[in-house]
C-alpha cells in the first residue's frame, strides 16, 4: 500500500486540456522575436577617465572617491532630501576609507590607499 504515490513508479505526465495548454513544440520555441540590446551610456568610459586622472596625479584618491560616491548616489537626488543624501554619501565615503575589503578594492583600482576618514 503506497502513501501519496510512493512506490508507484513516479508521477503521471501533466494533463492537457481546456485549462492547461499543451507544451510548445521545438519549432514554436525557435520562432519567437529576436532579442536586441540597446546602446548604453558611456559610463565606463567616463569612469576610466577619472581613474586615469588619479593614476597620472591630476586628481587625488580622495577626489576620485568623492566623484565615485556622487556618481553612485546620483539616482537618489530626486528621491531623498538633502540631509538624507548627505548622510548616505558620508557613510559610503567612510566605508571606502575604513572597510578592509573596500580599502583593498580602492588600492587595486587606483594603486594607492584611500586617505583615512576626516
N, C-alpha and C. Protein backbone atom coordinates (compact mmCIF):
# COMPACT_ATOMS: atom_id res chain seq x y z
N UNK A 1 0.84 -1.17 0.00
CA UNK A 1 0.00 0.00 0.00
C UNK A 1 0.89 1.24 0.00
N UNK A 2 0.73 2.09 -0.99
CA UNK A 2 1.55 3.28 -1.10
C UNK A 2 0.86 4.50 -0.53
N UNK A 3 1.65 5.42 -0.03
CA UNK A 3 1.13 6.67 0.50
C UNK A 3 1.60 7.80 -0.40
N UNK A 4 0.65 8.61 -0.87
CA UNK A 4 0.98 9.76 -1.71
C UNK A 4 1.81 9.38 -2.92
N UNK A 5 1.57 8.28 -3.50
CA UNK A 5 2.25 7.89 -4.72
C UNK A 5 3.63 7.28 -4.52
N UNK A 6 4.04 7.08 -3.27
CA UNK A 6 5.35 6.48 -3.01
C UNK A 6 5.31 5.02 -3.42
N UNK A 7 6.27 4.62 -4.22
CA UNK A 7 6.36 3.24 -4.64
C UNK A 7 5.46 2.88 -5.81
N UNK A 8 4.91 3.85 -6.51
CA UNK A 8 4.00 3.58 -7.61
C UNK A 8 4.62 3.88 -8.97
N UNK A 9 5.94 4.12 -9.03
CA UNK A 9 6.57 4.28 -10.33
C UNK A 9 6.65 5.70 -10.84
N UNK A 10 6.48 6.70 -10.05
CA UNK A 10 6.66 8.08 -10.48
C UNK A 10 5.36 8.78 -10.74
N UNK A 11 5.46 10.05 -11.02
CA UNK A 11 4.29 10.88 -11.26
C UNK A 11 3.82 10.74 -12.70
N UNK A 12 2.51 10.85 -12.93
CA UNK A 12 1.99 10.77 -14.29
C UNK A 12 2.35 12.04 -15.05
N UNK A 13 2.36 12.00 -16.39
CA UNK A 13 2.66 13.21 -17.16
C UNK A 13 1.57 14.25 -16.94
N UNK A 14 1.91 15.55 -17.05
CA UNK A 14 0.90 16.59 -16.83
C UNK A 14 -0.21 16.50 -17.86
N UNK A 15 -1.41 16.75 -17.39
CA UNK A 15 -2.58 16.66 -18.25
C UNK A 15 -2.70 17.89 -19.14
N UNK A 16 -3.20 17.71 -20.35
CA UNK A 16 -3.50 18.84 -21.22
C UNK A 16 -5.00 18.90 -21.38
N UNK A 17 -5.50 20.05 -21.67
CA UNK A 17 -6.94 20.17 -21.81
C UNK A 17 -7.34 21.61 -21.91
N UNK A 18 -8.55 21.89 -21.51
CA UNK A 18 -9.09 23.24 -21.64
C UNK A 18 -8.33 24.23 -20.78
N UNK A 19 -8.04 23.87 -19.51
CA UNK A 19 -7.39 24.81 -18.62
C UNK A 19 -5.87 24.74 -18.67
N UNK A 20 -5.30 23.75 -19.35
CA UNK A 20 -3.85 23.62 -19.46
C UNK A 20 -3.47 23.46 -20.93
N UNK A 21 -2.76 24.45 -21.48
CA UNK A 21 -2.35 24.31 -22.87
C UNK A 21 -1.24 23.28 -23.01
N UNK A 22 -1.14 22.71 -24.18
CA UNK A 22 -0.08 21.74 -24.46
C UNK A 22 1.26 22.46 -24.51
N UNK A 23 2.35 21.75 -24.27
CA UNK A 23 3.69 22.32 -24.35
C UNK A 23 3.98 22.74 -25.78
N UNK A 24 4.71 23.85 -25.96
CA UNK A 24 5.05 24.27 -27.32
C UNK A 24 6.05 23.29 -27.94
N UNK A 25 5.94 23.14 -29.22
CA UNK A 25 6.88 22.25 -29.91
C UNK A 25 8.20 22.98 -30.08
N UNK A 26 9.24 22.25 -30.45
CA UNK A 26 10.55 22.87 -30.62
C UNK A 26 10.55 23.88 -31.75
N UNK A 27 9.73 23.70 -32.77
CA UNK A 27 9.67 24.68 -33.86
C UNK A 27 9.00 25.96 -33.40
N UNK A 28 8.03 25.88 -32.46
CA UNK A 28 7.38 27.08 -31.94
C UNK A 28 8.31 27.87 -31.03
N UNK A 29 9.18 27.19 -30.30
CA UNK A 29 10.08 27.87 -29.38
C UNK A 29 11.07 28.74 -30.15
N UNK A 30 11.60 28.26 -31.24
CA UNK A 30 12.59 29.00 -32.02
C UNK A 30 12.01 30.11 -32.86
N UNK A 31 10.69 30.23 -32.96
CA UNK A 31 10.10 31.22 -33.86
C UNK A 31 9.74 32.54 -33.18
N UNK A 32 10.18 32.74 -31.93
CA UNK A 32 9.85 33.98 -31.24
C UNK A 32 10.67 35.13 -31.81
N UNK A 33 10.31 36.35 -31.40
CA UNK A 33 11.00 37.53 -31.92
C UNK A 33 12.44 37.56 -31.45
N UNK A 34 13.24 38.32 -32.15
CA UNK A 34 14.66 38.41 -31.86
C UNK A 34 14.91 39.24 -30.62
N UNK A 35 15.91 38.88 -29.84
CA UNK A 35 16.31 39.63 -28.66
C UNK A 35 17.34 40.66 -29.09
N UNK A 36 17.10 41.93 -28.74
CA UNK A 36 18.02 43.00 -29.10
C UNK A 36 18.40 43.79 -27.86
N UNK A 37 19.64 44.24 -27.83
CA UNK A 37 20.13 45.05 -26.73
C UNK A 37 20.42 46.44 -27.25
N UNK A 38 19.87 47.43 -26.57
CA UNK A 38 20.08 48.82 -26.99
C UNK A 38 21.43 49.33 -26.54
N UNK A 39 21.79 50.49 -27.04
CA UNK A 39 23.06 51.11 -26.66
C UNK A 39 22.96 51.65 -25.24
N UNK A 40 24.08 51.62 -24.54
CA UNK A 40 24.10 52.13 -23.19
C UNK A 40 24.92 53.41 -23.14
N UNK A 41 24.75 54.11 -22.06
CA UNK A 41 25.51 55.35 -21.87
C UNK A 41 26.98 55.00 -21.64
N UNK A 42 27.88 55.87 -22.03
CA UNK A 42 29.30 55.58 -21.88
C UNK A 42 29.80 55.78 -20.45
N UNK A 43 29.20 55.08 -19.50
CA UNK A 43 29.58 55.26 -18.10
C UNK A 43 30.96 54.70 -17.81
N UNK A 44 31.31 53.59 -18.44
CA UNK A 44 32.63 53.02 -18.18
C UNK A 44 33.73 53.92 -18.71
N UNK A 45 33.50 54.54 -19.85
CA UNK A 45 34.50 55.44 -20.40
C UNK A 45 34.70 56.65 -19.49
N UNK A 46 33.61 57.17 -18.93
CA UNK A 46 33.73 58.31 -18.02
C UNK A 46 34.46 57.90 -16.75
N UNK A 47 34.19 56.68 -16.25
CA UNK A 47 34.87 56.19 -15.06
C UNK A 47 36.35 55.99 -15.29
N UNK A 48 36.73 55.53 -16.44
CA UNK A 48 38.14 55.29 -16.71
C UNK A 48 38.90 56.60 -16.84
N UNK A 49 38.23 57.68 -17.28
CA UNK A 49 38.90 58.98 -17.36
C UNK A 49 39.30 59.41 -15.96
N UNK A 50 38.42 59.29 -14.97
CA UNK A 50 38.74 59.66 -13.60
C UNK A 50 39.86 58.79 -13.05
N UNK A 51 39.81 57.49 -13.35
CA UNK A 51 40.84 56.58 -12.88
C UNK A 51 42.18 56.92 -13.52
N UNK A 52 42.17 57.26 -14.79
CA UNK A 52 43.41 57.68 -15.46
C UNK A 52 43.93 58.97 -14.84
N UNK A 53 43.03 59.85 -14.44
CA UNK A 53 43.44 61.11 -13.82
C UNK A 53 44.11 60.85 -12.46
N UNK A 54 43.60 59.86 -11.72
CA UNK A 54 44.21 59.52 -10.44
C UNK A 54 45.60 58.95 -10.67
N UNK A 55 45.70 58.03 -11.60
CA UNK A 55 46.99 57.39 -11.87
C UNK A 55 48.03 58.38 -12.38
N UNK A 56 47.58 59.41 -13.10
CA UNK A 56 48.53 60.41 -13.61
C UNK A 56 48.82 61.50 -12.59
N UNK A 57 48.04 61.54 -11.51
CA UNK A 57 48.25 62.54 -10.47
C UNK A 57 47.45 63.81 -10.66
N UNK A 58 46.58 63.84 -11.67
CA UNK A 58 45.77 65.04 -11.91
C UNK A 58 44.75 65.27 -10.80
N UNK A 59 44.21 64.20 -10.22
CA UNK A 59 43.31 64.31 -9.07
C UNK A 59 43.79 63.34 -7.99
N UNK A 60 43.44 63.62 -6.76
CA UNK A 60 43.85 62.76 -5.65
C UNK A 60 42.88 61.58 -5.51
N UNK A 61 43.29 60.60 -4.74
CA UNK A 61 42.42 59.45 -4.46
C UNK A 61 41.16 59.92 -3.75
N UNK A 62 41.31 60.89 -2.85
CA UNK A 62 40.16 61.43 -2.13
C UNK A 62 39.15 62.05 -3.10
N UNK A 63 39.65 62.83 -4.06
CA UNK A 63 38.75 63.42 -5.05
C UNK A 63 38.09 62.34 -5.90
N UNK A 64 38.85 61.33 -6.27
CA UNK A 64 38.31 60.22 -7.06
C UNK A 64 37.18 59.53 -6.30
N UNK A 65 37.39 59.27 -5.02
CA UNK A 65 36.35 58.60 -4.23
C UNK A 65 35.12 59.48 -4.09
N UNK A 66 35.31 60.78 -3.93
CA UNK A 66 34.17 61.70 -3.87
C UNK A 66 33.37 61.67 -5.16
N UNK A 67 34.07 61.62 -6.30
CA UNK A 67 33.39 61.54 -7.60
C UNK A 67 32.59 60.25 -7.70
N UNK A 68 33.20 59.15 -7.29
CA UNK A 68 32.53 57.84 -7.37
C UNK A 68 31.31 57.77 -6.44
N UNK A 69 31.43 58.34 -5.25
CA UNK A 69 30.30 58.35 -4.32
C UNK A 69 29.17 59.18 -4.91
N UNK A 70 29.50 60.32 -5.50
CA UNK A 70 28.46 61.16 -6.13
C UNK A 70 27.80 60.45 -7.30
N UNK A 71 28.60 59.76 -8.12
CA UNK A 71 28.03 59.00 -9.25
C UNK A 71 27.13 57.89 -8.77
N UNK A 72 27.54 57.20 -7.71
CA UNK A 72 26.77 56.05 -7.25
C UNK A 72 25.49 56.44 -6.52
N UNK A 73 25.39 57.68 -6.07
CA UNK A 73 24.17 58.12 -5.38
C UNK A 73 23.36 59.12 -6.21
N UNK A 74 23.76 59.36 -7.43
CA UNK A 74 23.07 60.34 -8.28
C UNK A 74 21.59 59.99 -8.48
N UNK A 75 21.28 58.71 -8.51
CA UNK A 75 19.89 58.30 -8.72
C UNK A 75 19.00 58.61 -7.51
N UNK A 76 19.59 58.99 -6.40
CA UNK A 76 18.82 59.28 -5.18
C UNK A 76 18.52 60.77 -5.01
N UNK A 77 19.07 61.61 -5.86
CA UNK A 77 18.93 63.07 -5.69
C UNK A 77 17.47 63.50 -5.63
N UNK A 78 16.63 62.99 -6.50
CA UNK A 78 15.22 63.38 -6.52
C UNK A 78 14.36 62.58 -5.55
N UNK A 79 14.93 61.57 -4.92
CA UNK A 79 14.14 60.70 -4.05
C UNK A 79 14.32 61.00 -2.56
N UNK A 80 15.44 61.63 -2.20
CA UNK A 80 15.73 61.90 -0.80
C UNK A 80 15.94 63.39 -0.58
N UNK A 81 15.75 63.82 0.67
CA UNK A 81 16.06 65.22 0.95
C UNK A 81 17.57 65.37 1.10
N UNK A 82 18.05 66.60 1.14
CA UNK A 82 19.48 66.89 1.16
C UNK A 82 20.19 66.28 2.36
N UNK A 83 19.53 66.30 3.51
CA UNK A 83 20.13 65.75 4.73
C UNK A 83 20.33 64.24 4.62
N UNK A 84 19.32 63.53 4.11
CA UNK A 84 19.43 62.08 3.95
C UNK A 84 20.50 61.72 2.93
N UNK A 85 20.53 62.45 1.82
CA UNK A 85 21.51 62.19 0.78
C UNK A 85 22.93 62.44 1.29
N UNK A 86 23.10 63.50 2.06
CA UNK A 86 24.40 63.81 2.64
C UNK A 86 24.85 62.70 3.59
N UNK A 87 23.92 62.20 4.40
CA UNK A 87 24.24 61.12 5.33
C UNK A 87 24.68 59.87 4.58
N UNK A 88 23.98 59.51 3.52
CA UNK A 88 24.33 58.32 2.74
C UNK A 88 25.70 58.49 2.09
N UNK A 89 25.94 59.64 1.50
CA UNK A 89 27.23 59.89 0.85
C UNK A 89 28.37 59.86 1.88
N UNK A 90 28.16 60.47 3.03
CA UNK A 90 29.18 60.47 4.07
C UNK A 90 29.45 59.05 4.57
N UNK A 91 28.39 58.26 4.74
CA UNK A 91 28.55 56.88 5.20
C UNK A 91 29.32 56.04 4.18
N UNK A 92 28.98 56.21 2.90
CA UNK A 92 29.71 55.48 1.86
C UNK A 92 31.18 55.88 1.84
N UNK A 93 31.42 57.16 1.95
CA UNK A 93 32.80 57.66 1.91
C UNK A 93 33.61 57.11 3.08
N UNK A 94 33.01 57.05 4.26
CA UNK A 94 33.69 56.49 5.44
C UNK A 94 33.98 55.01 5.25
N UNK A 95 33.02 54.29 4.67
CA UNK A 95 33.22 52.86 4.42
C UNK A 95 34.37 52.62 3.45
N UNK A 96 34.49 53.46 2.43
CA UNK A 96 35.57 53.32 1.45
C UNK A 96 36.94 53.54 2.09
N UNK A 97 36.99 54.28 3.18
CA UNK A 97 38.25 54.56 3.85
C UNK A 97 38.56 53.61 5.00
N UNK A 98 37.54 52.90 5.50
CA UNK A 98 37.76 52.09 6.70
C UNK A 98 37.51 50.59 6.53
N UNK A 99 36.62 50.18 5.65
CA UNK A 99 36.33 48.76 5.48
C UNK A 99 37.51 48.09 4.77
N UNK A 100 38.10 47.06 5.37
CA UNK A 100 39.28 46.43 4.77
C UNK A 100 39.06 45.93 3.34
N UNK A 101 37.92 45.34 3.07
CA UNK A 101 37.66 44.84 1.72
C UNK A 101 37.57 45.98 0.72
N UNK A 102 36.90 47.06 1.11
CA UNK A 102 36.77 48.21 0.21
C UNK A 102 38.09 48.95 0.05
N UNK A 103 38.88 49.01 1.10
CA UNK A 103 40.21 49.63 1.01
C UNK A 103 41.06 48.86 0.00
N UNK A 104 40.98 47.53 0.04
CA UNK A 104 41.71 46.70 -0.92
C UNK A 104 41.24 46.96 -2.35
N UNK A 105 39.94 47.13 -2.55
CA UNK A 105 39.43 47.42 -3.89
C UNK A 105 39.90 48.79 -4.39
N UNK A 106 39.90 49.78 -3.50
CA UNK A 106 40.37 51.11 -3.88
C UNK A 106 41.84 51.04 -4.26
N UNK A 107 42.63 50.31 -3.47
CA UNK A 107 44.06 50.19 -3.76
C UNK A 107 44.29 49.48 -5.09
N UNK A 108 43.50 48.43 -5.35
CA UNK A 108 43.64 47.71 -6.62
C UNK A 108 43.28 48.60 -7.80
N UNK A 109 42.28 49.44 -7.64
CA UNK A 109 41.83 50.29 -8.75
C UNK A 109 42.76 51.48 -8.97
N UNK A 110 43.20 52.10 -7.88
CA UNK A 110 43.96 53.34 -8.01
C UNK A 110 45.46 53.18 -7.82
N UNK A 111 45.85 52.09 -7.18
CA UNK A 111 47.26 51.91 -6.88
C UNK A 111 47.69 52.62 -5.61
N UNK A 112 46.74 53.23 -4.91
CA UNK A 112 47.02 53.96 -3.68
C UNK A 112 45.98 53.63 -2.62
N UNK A 113 46.36 53.76 -1.37
CA UNK A 113 45.41 53.57 -0.29
C UNK A 113 44.54 54.82 -0.16
N UNK A 114 43.26 54.64 0.20
CA UNK A 114 42.42 55.82 0.42
C UNK A 114 42.85 56.52 1.69
N UNK A 115 42.70 57.84 1.72
CA UNK A 115 43.05 58.58 2.94
C UNK A 115 42.08 58.22 4.06
N UNK A 116 42.53 58.30 5.31
CA UNK A 116 41.62 58.00 6.42
C UNK A 116 40.46 58.98 6.47
N UNK A 117 39.38 58.56 7.10
CA UNK A 117 38.18 59.42 7.23
C UNK A 117 38.55 60.69 7.97
N UNK A 118 37.95 61.77 7.52
CA UNK A 118 38.24 63.07 8.14
C UNK A 118 37.20 63.43 9.15
